[in-house]
Amino acid sequence: MDERSIVIVDRAGRAAAFDAQSGQTLWYLGTPIVRVFDAAVRDGLVLLTGEQPTVTPGGATLGLSPGLMVLDARTGRQFQRIADLPAPVRWAVLTDTRQIVAGMQSGLISYDAVSARINWEVSLPDLTESASAWVFGKRGYVIGNDRSPWLIDLDRAQ
């Protein structure tokens, strides 16, 4: 939920959005993320993380691979779909600068939500099984493997 939209997503990747003031249905759709692990809504964007089918050029499904997807919260239009992730995603958050910060089995990674460009990566053994994170301005608070908090500067990944 953000200031204008309420978005609900089920674990199978079906999503719907509603206007926060009128309750009117804005859109509903099935997404290519068929196993949703986490979802976030911020500043007009919807972020879905989980697994998506891996298909051959002939259309045969080989299995599932990690994926991220960004939608417009008001229209449901796809902004980005990132399929070549280095590891499965445990959690993901959106920042107010349209940055995706994701916790993966390989550490942390940040993408630009609009261009899908990698901003930075952090591979620390203490963050390979991080549980979750919260974003406040340019700071991210990550819960590490041993449940201790880590403070991350989101601009420089320090």
Protein backbone atom coordinates (compact mmCIF):
# COMPACT_ATOMS: atom_id res chain seq x y z
CA MET A 1 0.00 0.00 0.00
CA ASP A 2 1.20 3.50 -0.76
CA GLU A 3 -0.57 6.87 -0.48
CA ARG A 4 -2.79 6.21 -3.54
CA SER A 5 -3.03 2.45 -4.10
CA ILE A 6 -3.75 -0.75 -2.21
CA VAL A 7 -2.21 -3.81 -3.88
CA ILE A 8 -2.80 -7.41 -2.90
CA VAL A 9 -0.73 -10.31 -4.22
CA ASP A 10 -1.12 -14.03 -3.60
CA ARG A 11 1.71 -16.58 -3.51
CA ALA A 12 0.82 -17.81 -7.03
CA GLY A 13 1.52 -14.39 -8.58
CA ARG A 14 -2.02 -13.09 -9.02
CA ALA A 15 -2.29 -9.40 -8.16
CA ALA A 16 -4.99 -6.74 -7.89
CA ALA A 17 -4.89 -3.03 -7.13
CA PHE A 18 -7.51 -0.72 -5.70
CA ASP A 19 -7.74 3.05 -5.36
CA ALA A 20 -7.03 3.90 -1.70
CA GLN A 21 -9.74 6.58 -1.53
CA SER A 22 -12.61 5.23 -3.64
CA GLY A 23 -11.99 1.48 -3.37
CA GLN A 24 -12.37 1.20 -7.16
CA THR A 25 -10.57 -1.73 -8.81
CA LEU A 26 -7.66 -0.36 -10.83
CA TRP A 27 -6.43 -3.66 -12.34
CA TYR A 28 -5.97 -7.37 -11.73
CA LEU A 29 -3.66 -9.79 -13.49
CA GLY A 30 -1.60 -12.94 -13.30
CA THR A 31 2.15 -12.29 -13.31
CA PRO A 32 5.05 -14.40 -14.60
CA ILE A 33 6.27 -14.70 -11.00
CA VAL A 34 4.49 -17.96 -10.18
CA ARG A 35 5.89 -18.37 -6.65
CA VAL A 36 5.91 -15.05 -4.83
CA PHE A 37 8.26 -14.78 -1.85
CA ASP A 38 7.92 -11.06 -1.15
CA ALA A 39 6.06 -7.98 -2.40
CA ALA A 40 6.40 -4.26 -1.76
CA VAL A 41 4.55 -1.11 -2.82
CA ARG A 42 6.16 2.31 -2.71
CA ASP A 43 5.84 5.59 -4.60
CA GLY A 44 3.60 4.18 -7.32
CA LEU A 45 5.58 0.98 -7.93
CA VAL A 46 4.84 -2.64 -7.05
CA LEU A 47 7.77 -5.04 -6.57
CA LEU A 48 7.29 -8.82 -6.73
CA THR A 49 10.07 -11.28 -5.99
CA GLY A 50 10.08 -15.04 -6.26
CA GLU A 51 10.41 -17.68 -8.95
CA GLN A 52 9.42 -17.68 -12.60
CA PRO A 53 9.35 -20.46 -15.20
CA THR A 54 12.49 -21.04 -17.26
CA VAL A 55 11.45 -21.87 -20.80
CA THR A 56 13.30 -23.15 -23.85
CA PRO A 57 13.05 -21.28 -27.18
CA GLY A 58 10.50 -23.95 -28.17
CA GLY A 59 8.32 -23.09 -25.17
CA ALA A 60 9.02 -26.11 -22.94
CA THR A 61 9.28 -25.36 -19.22
CA LEU A 62 12.58 -26.47 -17.72
CA GLY A 63 11.90 -25.46 -14.13
CA LEU A 64 11.84 -22.33 -12.02
CA SER A 65 14.46 -19.61 -11.61
CA PRO A 66 14.68 -16.50 -9.38
CA GLY A 67 13.02 -13.34 -10.67
CA LEU A 68 12.01 -9.78 -9.85
CA MET A 69 9.21 -7.82 -11.43
CA VAL A 70 8.23 -4.15 -11.10
CA LEU A 71 4.73 -2.93 -12.01
CA ASP A 72 3.05 0.46 -12.07
CA ALA A 73 0.73 0.48 -9.04
CA ARG A 74 -2.00 2.46 -10.83
CA THR A 75 -2.09 0.62 -14.18
CA GLY A 76 -0.47 -2.79 -13.61
CA ARG A 77 1.84 -2.07 -16.55
CA GLN A 78 5.18 -3.87 -16.31
CA PHE A 79 8.12 -1.52 -15.70
CA GLN A 80 10.83 -4.15 -15.39
CA ARG A 81 11.36 -7.86 -15.22
CA ILE A 82 14.76 -9.10 -14.09
CA ALA A 83 15.31 -12.77 -14.83
CA ASP A 84 19.08 -13.19 -14.62
CA LEU A 85 19.46 -12.95 -10.85
CA PRO A 86 22.65 -14.35 -9.32
CA ALA A 87 20.79 -16.27 -6.58
CA PRO A 88 17.32 -16.85 -5.12
CA VAL A 89 15.73 -13.79 -3.46
CA ARG A 90 14.86 -14.02 0.24
CA TRP A 91 13.33 -10.52 0.56
CA ALA A 92 13.25 -7.21 -1.31
CA VAL A 93 12.34 -3.59 -0.60
CA LEU A 94 11.84 -0.43 -2.67
CA THR A 95 13.46 2.86 -1.71
CA ASP A 96 12.15 6.37 -2.27
CA THR A 97 14.77 6.78 -5.05
CA ARG A 98 13.28 3.82 -6.98
CA GLN A 99 16.02 1.45 -5.98
CA ILE A 100 15.37 -2.24 -5.36
CA VAL A 101 17.40 -3.72 -2.51
CA ALA A 102 17.23 -7.51 -2.34
CA GLY A 103 18.57 -10.06 0.10
CA MET A 104 19.79 -13.16 -1.68
CA GLN A 105 21.65 -16.30 -0.75
CA SER A 106 24.75 -14.61 -2.17
CA GLY A 107 24.35 -11.40 -0.10
CA LEU A 108 22.70 -8.09 -0.99
CA ILE A 109 22.14 -6.51 -4.39
CA SER A 110 20.65 -3.22 -5.51
CA TYR A 111 19.02 -2.54 -8.88
CA ASP A 112 17.60 0.62 -10.38
CA ALA A 113 13.86 -0.20 -10.58
CA VAL A 114 13.39 1.65 -13.87
CA SER A 115 16.51 0.65 -15.86
CA ALA A 116 17.26 -2.71 -14.12
CA ARG A 117 20.92 -1.63 -13.90
CA ILE A 118 22.86 -3.03 -10.93
CA ASN A 119 23.77 -0.23 -8.52
CA TRP A 120 25.88 -2.31 -6.14
CA GLU A 121 26.41 -5.77 -4.65
CA VAL A 122 27.58 -6.80 -1.18
CA SER A 123 28.77 -10.35 -0.53
CA LEU A 124 29.34 -10.73 3.19
CA PRO A 125 29.06 -14.11 4.92
CA ASP A 126 27.00 -12.46 7.71
CA LEU A 127 24.29 -11.41 5.22
CA THR A 128 23.83 -14.56 3.09
CA GLU A 129 20.79 -15.60 5.11
CA SER A 130 19.47 -12.16 6.02
CA ALA A 131 15.85 -12.22 7.14
CA SER A 132 14.46 -8.83 6.16
CA ALA A 133 15.15 -5.12 5.81
CA TRP A 134 13.60 -1.71 6.30
CA VAL A 135 14.41 1.48 4.44
CA PHE A 136 14.42 4.98 5.91
CA GLY A 137 15.68 7.59 3.48
CA LYS A 138 19.17 6.64 2.33
CA ARG A 139 19.65 4.05 5.06
CA GLY A 140 18.74 0.40 5.06
CA TYR A 141 18.48 -1.69 8.19
CA VAL A 142 19.10 -5.37 7.44
CA ILE A 143 18.60 -8.27 9.85
CA GLY A 144 21.70 -10.45 9.43
CA ASN A 145 22.16 -14.21 9.73
CA ASP A 146 22.46 -14.12 13.52
CA ARG A 147 19.48 -11.70 13.80
CA SER A 148 21.75 -8.73 14.51
CA PRO A 149 20.93 -5.43 12.75
CA TRP A 150 23.19 -4.02 10.04
CA LEU A 151 23.07 -0.41 8.88
CA ILE A 152 23.68 0.02 5.13
CA ASP A 153 24.21 3.31 3.29
CA LEU A 154 22.03 2.68 0.22
CA ASP A 155 23.96 5.08 -2.00
CA ARG A 156 27.35 3.45 -1.47
CA ALA A 157 26.53 0.02 0.02
CA GLN A 158 28.65 0.66 3.10
